[in-house]
Amino acid sequence: MTLPAGPNDSAPVPPDGRTRAGRSGQWFSAARARYENSWIRDVVTQLRALDFVDWTLIFAAELLWSALPFIILLSSLANHRIDDDLSRHIGLNSQGAEIVKGLFRNSPSHSVVPIADGLVNRPERRAAGPVVQTLTTFVVATVFFCWTMHFLLDGRVPWRLFVRPALLTAILWVALGFFSSLYFSSVIIDDSKTYGAIGVVFTFLTWFILIGSVVVLGAAAGAVWQQRTTPSIPRR
């Protein structure tokens, strides 16, 4: 006696005998194995060990209460030239720069000869093209971050171990500059309209958070790069 065909009896069987769920499981296992042996996993491990979010927020808070008042002081001593340079570093358009300039105009002024005229808005900076400016920023940032890491560790680590972290941090710094030029102009205008002058400070805090992210992420990724290329350095 022949039984009627069930709903699954006519389903085609894959040539290799594997079901779709089985193929998905194998793909997931292969992807997980690649991740476990990848540099991405090492970077994530480093960031967890460093408490990435906590240290980024601490770094941003330190910049907000120390660097921003210092910039305001320099701006008052330099006849409001520092705010122009700050707007240029953030990548603000003319409208955003005017909002920042209005914030700094409210700071106290001092009858002191400008101290930063030779450091900001130099004619050669304006004459240089974007490619030259980007390369200059990259080189200067690399040297600065390399020296900073060596200084903070009090010279206990050889210079050569700071090259890769400094290079990656400088790359992220340049990328932050491009991102800032595309993002912060509209944000600072909207925050100024919504919150007034204090809205500019909110934008600065966001920028400082991104700076902290660049510093921590660059150091962590650079350490992973160093560990994966130098077998003598233990991997965490």
Foldseek 3Di string as FASTA:
>chain_A
DDDDDDPCNPPDAPPVRDDPVRVVVVVVVVVVVCCVVDLVVLLVVLCVVVVLQVQLLVQLVCCLVPVVVVLLVLCQQQVNQSLVQVCVQLQADPVLSVLSSVLSVPRHHDPHHRDCPVPPPDPVVVVDDPVVVLVVQLVVQLVVQLVVVCVVVVNPDDSVLSNQLSNQLSVLSSVSSVVSSVPLNVQLVVLCVVPNSVSNSVSSSVSSSSNSSSNSSSNSSSNSVVCVVDVVDDRD
